[in-house]
Amino acid sequence: MGNYFFDFDDTICESRHIYAASVQKTFEARGVKVPSTEDIYQAMGIPIDVSIARWAQ
């Protein structure tokens, strides 16, 4: 049997809401401004350092 690669997130399983919740809980635990779910969704697919810089503004 060979190796198989597949895109799980948002192809096989809708997981955006889980990612958004984890980002929000992390920001809340650190005591910083929590980005909205919509802001998180709009930043998906770009590098995380760019996303965090955008949310910190």
PDB file of N, CA and C in Angstrom:
ATOM      1  N   MET A   1       0.851  -1.185   0.000  1.00  0.00           N
ATOM      2  CA  MET A   1       0.000   0.000   0.000  1.00  0.00           C
ATOM      3  C   MET A   1       0.893   1.243   0.000  1.00  0.00           C
ATOM      4  N   GLY A   2       0.577   2.175  -0.844  1.00  0.00           N
ATOM      5  CA  GLY A   2       1.359   3.402  -0.961  1.00  0.00           C
ATOM      6  C   GLY A   2       0.930   4.454   0.046  1.00  0.00           C
ATOM      7  N   ASN A   3       1.580   5.578  -0.018  1.00  0.00           N
ATOM      8  CA  ASN A   3       1.236   6.714   0.836  1.00  0.00           C
ATOM      9  C   ASN A   3       0.157   7.554   0.174  1.00  0.00           C
ATOM     10  N   TYR A   4      -0.696   8.116   0.998  1.00  0.00           N
ATOM     11  CA  TYR A   4      -1.759   8.979   0.498  1.00  0.00           C
ATOM     12  C   TYR A   4      -1.739  10.290   1.266  1.00  0.00           C
ATOM     13  N   PHE A   5      -1.931  11.367   0.563  1.00  0.00           N
ATOM     14  CA  PHE A   5      -2.019  12.687   1.166  1.00  0.00           C
ATOM     15  C   PHE A   5      -3.374  13.274   0.795  1.00  0.00           C
ATOM     16  N   PHE A   6      -4.001  13.908   1.752  1.00  0.00           N
ATOM     17  CA  PHE A   6      -5.285  14.535   1.461  1.00  0.00           C
ATOM     18  C   PHE A   6      -5.449  15.783   2.314  1.00  0.00           C
ATOM     19  N   ASP A   7      -6.308  16.663   1.871  1.00  0.00           N
ATOM     20  CA  ASP A   7      -6.613  17.908   2.570  1.00  0.00           C
ATOM     21  C   ASP A   7      -7.803  17.651   3.482  1.00  0.00           C
ATOM     22  N   PHE A   8      -7.561  17.593   4.773  1.00  0.00           N
ATOM     23  CA  PHE A   8      -8.618  17.274   5.729  1.00  0.00           C
ATOM     24  C   PHE A   8      -9.469  18.497   6.073  1.00  0.00           C
ATOM     25  N   ASP A   9      -8.801  19.585   6.499  1.00  0.00           N
ATOM     26  CA  ASP A   9      -9.524  20.774   6.956  1.00  0.00           C
ATOM     27  C   ASP A   9     -10.325  21.413   5.833  1.00  0.00           C
ATOM     28  N   ASP A  10     -11.596  21.603   6.111  1.00  0.00           N
ATOM     29  CA  ASP A  10     -12.554  22.236   5.199  1.00  0.00           C
ATOM     30  C   ASP A  10     -12.766  21.472   3.894  1.00  0.00           C
ATOM     31  N   THR A  11     -12.223  20.276   3.790  1.00  0.00           N
ATOM     32  CA  THR A  11     -12.509  19.407   2.649  1.00  0.00           C
ATOM     33  C   THR A  11     -13.315  18.213   3.138  1.00  0.00           C
ATOM     34  N   ILE A  12     -12.773  17.515   4.111  1.00  0.00           N
ATOM     35  CA  ILE A  12     -13.459  16.364   4.693  1.00  0.00           C
ATOM     36  C   ILE A  12     -14.223  16.782   5.946  1.00  0.00           C
ATOM     37  N   CYS A  13     -13.697  17.753   6.659  1.00  0.00           N
ATOM     38  CA  CYS A  13     -14.283  18.182   7.933  1.00  0.00           C
ATOM     39  C   CYS A  13     -14.316  19.709   8.006  1.00  0.00           C
ATOM     40  N   GLU A  14     -15.449  20.253   8.371  1.00  0.00           N
ATOM     41  CA  GLU A  14     -15.574  21.697   8.583  1.00  0.00           C
ATOM     42  C   GLU A  14     -14.978  22.012   9.957  1.00  0.00           C
ATOM     43  N   SER A  15     -13.812  22.621   9.978  1.00  0.00           N
ATOM     44  CA  SER A  15     -13.102  22.824  11.244  1.00  0.00           C
ATOM     45  C   SER A  15     -12.787  24.291  11.542  1.00  0.00           C
ATOM     46  N   ARG A  16     -13.270  25.199  10.720  1.00  0.00           N
ATOM     47  CA  ARG A  16     -12.954  26.621  10.932  1.00  0.00           C
ATOM     48  C   ARG A  16     -13.383  27.099  12.312  1.00  0.00           C
ATOM     49  N   HIS A  17     -14.562  26.674  12.748  1.00  0.00           N
ATOM     50  CA  HIS A  17     -15.076  27.134  14.038  1.00  0.00           C
ATOM     51  C   HIS A  17     -14.206  26.648  15.202  1.00  0.00           C
ATOM     52  N   ILE A  18     -13.604  25.467  15.063  1.00  0.00           N
ATOM     53  CA  ILE A  18     -12.724  24.943  16.109  1.00  0.00           C
ATOM     54  C   ILE A  18     -11.444  25.782  16.168  1.00  0.00           C
ATOM     55  N   TYR A  19     -10.884  26.084  15.009  1.00  0.00           N
ATOM     56  CA  TYR A  19      -9.681  26.922  14.947  1.00  0.00           C
ATOM     57  C   TYR A  19      -9.967  28.299  15.541  1.00  0.00           C
ATOM     58  N   ALA A  20     -11.096  28.900  15.155  1.00  0.00           N
ATOM     59  CA  ALA A  20     -11.443  30.235  15.653  1.00  0.00           C
ATOM     60  C   ALA A  20     -11.589  30.224  17.171  1.00  0.00           C
ATOM     61  N   ALA A  21     -12.262  29.226  17.701  1.00  0.00           N
ATOM     62  CA  ALA A  21     -12.443  29.136  19.154  1.00  0.00           C
ATOM     63  C   ALA A  21     -11.109  28.985  19.876  1.00  0.00           C
ATOM     64  N   SER A  22     -10.200  28.211  19.308  1.00  0.00           N
ATOM     65  CA  SER A  22      -8.898  28.022  19.964  1.00  0.00           C
ATOM     66  C   SER A  22      -8.079  29.313  19.949  1.00  0.00           C
ATOM     67  N   VAL A  23      -8.139  30.057  18.856  1.00  0.00           N
ATOM     68  CA  VAL A  23      -7.442  31.347  18.795  1.00  0.00           C
ATOM     69  C   VAL A  23      -8.026  32.295  19.839  1.00  0.00           C
ATOM     70  N   GLN A  24      -9.345  32.367  19.909  1.00  0.00           N
ATOM     71  CA  GLN A  24      -9.991  33.277  20.850  1.00  0.00           C
ATOM     72  C   GLN A  24      -9.672  32.915  22.302  1.00  0.00           C
ATOM     73  N   LYS A  25      -9.692  31.626  22.631  1.00  0.00           N
ATOM     74  CA  LYS A  25      -9.369  31.204  24.001  1.00  0.00           C
ATOM     75  C   LYS A  25      -7.913  31.506  24.349  1.00  0.00           C
ATOM     76  N   THR A  26      -7.022  31.346  23.387  1.00  0.00           N
ATOM     77  CA  THR A  26      -5.609  31.643  23.619  1.00  0.00           C
ATOM     78  C   THR A  26      -5.405  33.130  23.884  1.00  0.00           C
ATOM     79  N   PHE A  27      -6.013  33.980  23.066  1.00  0.00           N
ATOM     80  CA  PHE A  27      -5.889  35.424  23.261  1.00  0.00           C
ATOM     81  C   PHE A  27      -6.492  35.831  24.608  1.00  0.00           C
ATOM     82  N   GLU A  28      -7.653  35.275  24.933  1.00  0.00           N
ATOM     83  CA  GLU A  28      -8.308  35.593  26.202  1.00  0.00           C
ATOM     84  C   GLU A  28      -7.427  35.182  27.385  1.00  0.00           C
ATOM     85  N   ALA A  29      -6.834  34.000  27.318  1.00  0.00           N
ATOM     86  CA  ALA A  29      -5.972  33.513  28.399  1.00  0.00           C
ATOM     87  C   ALA A  29      -4.743  34.393  28.586  1.00  0.00           C
ATOM     88  N   ARG A  30      -4.299  35.024  27.506  1.00  0.00           N
ATOM     89  CA  ARG A  30      -3.129  35.908  27.565  1.00  0.00           C
ATOM     90  C   ARG A  30      -3.502  37.339  27.939  1.00  0.00           C
ATOM     91  N   GLY A  31      -4.809  37.603  28.061  1.00  0.00           N
ATOM     92  CA  GLY A  31      -5.255  38.927  28.472  1.00  0.00           C
ATOM     93  C   GLY A  31      -5.136  39.988  27.403  1.00  0.00           C
ATOM     94  N   VAL A  32      -5.195  39.567  26.139  1.00  0.00           N
ATOM     95  CA  VAL A  32      -5.119  40.533  25.041  1.00  0.00           C
ATOM     96  C   VAL A  32      -6.446  40.571  24.288  1.00  0.00           C
ATOM     97  N   LYS A  33      -6.606  41.611  23.477  1.00  0.00           N
ATOM     98  CA  LYS A  33      -7.837  41.790  22.705  1.00  0.00           C
ATOM     99  C   LYS A  33      -8.123  40.540  21.870  1.00  0.00           C
ATOM    100  N   VAL A  34      -9.338  40.033  21.998  1.00  0.00           N
ATOM    101  CA  VAL A  34      -9.739  38.809  21.302  1.00  0.00           C
ATOM    102  C   VAL A  34     -10.308  39.168  19.930  1.00  0.00           C
ATOM    103  N   PRO A  35      -9.749  38.603  18.858  1.00  0.00           N
ATOM    104  CA  PRO A  35     -10.279  38.890  17.522  1.00  0.00           C
ATOM    105  C   PRO A  35     -11.651  38.238  17.335  1.00  0.00           C
ATOM    106  N   SER A  36     -12.474  38.859  16.526  1.00  0.00           N
ATOM    107  CA  SER A  36     -13.797  38.296  16.246  1.00  0.00           C
ATOM    108  C   SER A  36     -13.655  37.045  15.382  1.00  0.00           C
ATOM    109  N   THR A  37     -14.679  36.232  15.402  1.00  0.00           N
ATOM    110  CA  THR A  37     -14.680  35.026  14.574  1.00  0.00           C
ATOM    111  C   THR A  37     -14.513  35.399  13.106  1.00  0.00           C
ATOM    112  N   GLU A  38     -15.187  36.445  12.668  1.00  0.00           N
ATOM    113  CA  GLU A  38     -15.088  36.873  11.267  1.00  0.00           C
ATOM    114  C   GLU A  38     -13.670  37.321  10.920  1.00  0.00           C
ATOM    115  N   ASP A  39     -13.020  38.051  11.833  1.00  0.00           N
ATOM    116  CA  ASP A  39     -11.629  38.463  11.591  1.00  0.00           C
ATOM    117  C   ASP A  39     -10.712  37.252  11.449  1.00  0.00           C
ATOM    118  N   ILE A  40     -10.946  36.248  12.260  1.00  0.00           N
ATOM    119  CA  ILE A  40     -10.137  35.025  12.185  1.00  0.00           C
ATOM    120  C   ILE A  40     -10.385  34.317  10.862  1.00  0.00           C
ATOM    121  N   TYR A  41     -11.640  34.192  10.467  1.00  0.00           N
ATOM    122  CA  TYR A  41     -11.962  33.530   9.195  1.00  0.00           C
ATOM    123  C   TYR A  41     -11.297  34.247   8.019  1.00  0.00           C
ATOM    124  N   GLN A  42     -11.304  35.580   8.044  1.00  0.00           N
ATOM    125  CA  GLN A  42     -10.714  36.347   6.944  1.00  0.00           C
ATOM    126  C   GLN A  42      -9.202  36.181   6.870  1.00  0.00           C
ATOM    127  N   ALA A  43      -8.575  35.858   7.998  1.00  0.00           N
ATOM    128  CA  ALA A  43      -7.120  35.719   8.028  1.00  0.00           C
ATOM    129  C   ALA A  43      -6.649  34.295   7.743  1.00  0.00           C
ATOM    130  N   MET A  44      -7.562  33.362   7.642  1.00  0.00           N
ATOM    131  CA  MET A  44      -7.165  31.972   7.397  1.00  0.00           C
ATOM    132  C   MET A  44      -6.515  31.857   6.023  1.00  0.00           C
ATOM    133  N   GLY A  45      -5.410  31.130   5.979  1.00  0.00           N
ATOM    134  CA  GLY A  45      -4.702  30.936   4.725  1.00  0.00           C
ATOM    135  C   GLY A  45      -3.495  31.844   4.549  1.00  0.00           C
ATOM    136  N   ILE A  46      -3.371  32.843   5.412  1.00  0.00           N
ATOM    137  CA  ILE A  46      -2.177  33.688   5.361  1.00  0.00           C
ATOM    138  C   ILE A  46      -1.270  33.297   6.533  1.00  0.00           C
ATOM    139  N   PRO A  47       0.012  33.621   6.481  1.00  0.00           N
ATOM    140  CA  PRO A  47       0.916  33.230   7.567  1.00  0.00           C
ATOM    141  C   PRO A  47       0.435  33.734   8.931  1.00  0.00           C
ATOM    142  N   ILE A  48       0.601  32.907   9.953  1.00  0.00           N
ATOM    143  CA  ILE A  48       0.090  33.233  11.286  1.00  0.00           C
ATOM    144  C   ILE A  48       0.712  34.504  11.854  1.00  0.00           C
ATOM    145  N   ASP A  49       1.981  34.775  11.557  1.00  0.00           N
ATOM    146  CA  ASP A  49       2.590  36.000  12.081  1.00  0.00           C
ATOM    147  C   ASP A  49       1.934  37.242  11.480  1.00  0.00           C
ATOM    148  N   VAL A  50       1.508  37.147  10.242  1.00  0.00           N
ATOM    149  CA  VAL A  50       0.795  38.255   9.599  1.00  0.00           C
ATOM    150  C   VAL A  50      -0.590  38.404  10.230  1.00  0.00           C
ATOM    151  N   SER A  51      -1.255  37.288  10.479  1.00  0.00           N
ATOM    152  CA  SER A  51      -2.582  37.316  11.104  1.00  0.00           C
ATOM    153  C   SER A  51      -2.527  37.964  12.480  1.00  0.00           C
ATOM    154  N   ILE A  52      -1.576  37.529  13.300  1.00  0.00           N
ATOM    155  CA  ILE A  52      -1.471  38.062  14.659  1.00  0.00           C
ATOM    156  C   ILE A  52      -1.176  39.556  14.629  1.00  0.00           C
ATOM    157  N   ALA A  53      -0.305  39.985  13.743  1.00  0.00           N
ATOM    158  CA  ALA A  53      -0.014  41.417  13.617  1.00  0.00           C
ATOM    159  C   ALA A  53      -1.267  42.186  13.218  1.00  0.00           C
ATOM    160  N   ARG A  54      -2.060  41.626  12.350  1.00  0.00           N
ATOM    161  CA  ARG A  54      -3.302  42.269  11.908  1.00  0.00           C
ATOM    162  C   ARG A  54      -4.288  42.377  13.072  1.00  0.00           C
ATOM    163  N   TRP A  55      -4.427  41.316  13.858  1.00  0.00           N
ATOM    164  CA  TRP A  55      -5.371  41.324  14.981  1.00  0.00           C
ATOM    165  C   TRP A  55      -4.925  42.246  16.102  1.00  0.00           C
ATOM    166  N   ALA A  56      -3.624  42.484  16.225  1.00  0.00           N
ATOM    167  CA  ALA A  56      -3.093  43.321  17.306  1.00  0.00           C
ATOM    168  C   ALA A  56      -3.335  44.810  17.076  1.00  0.00           C
ATOM    169  N   GLN A  57      -3.728  45.198  15.885  1.00  0.00           N
ATOM    170  CA  GLN A  57      -3.934  46.619  15.578  1.00  0.00           C
ATOM    171  C   GLN A  57      -5.184  47.151  16.232  1.00  0.00           C
TER     172      GLN A  57
END
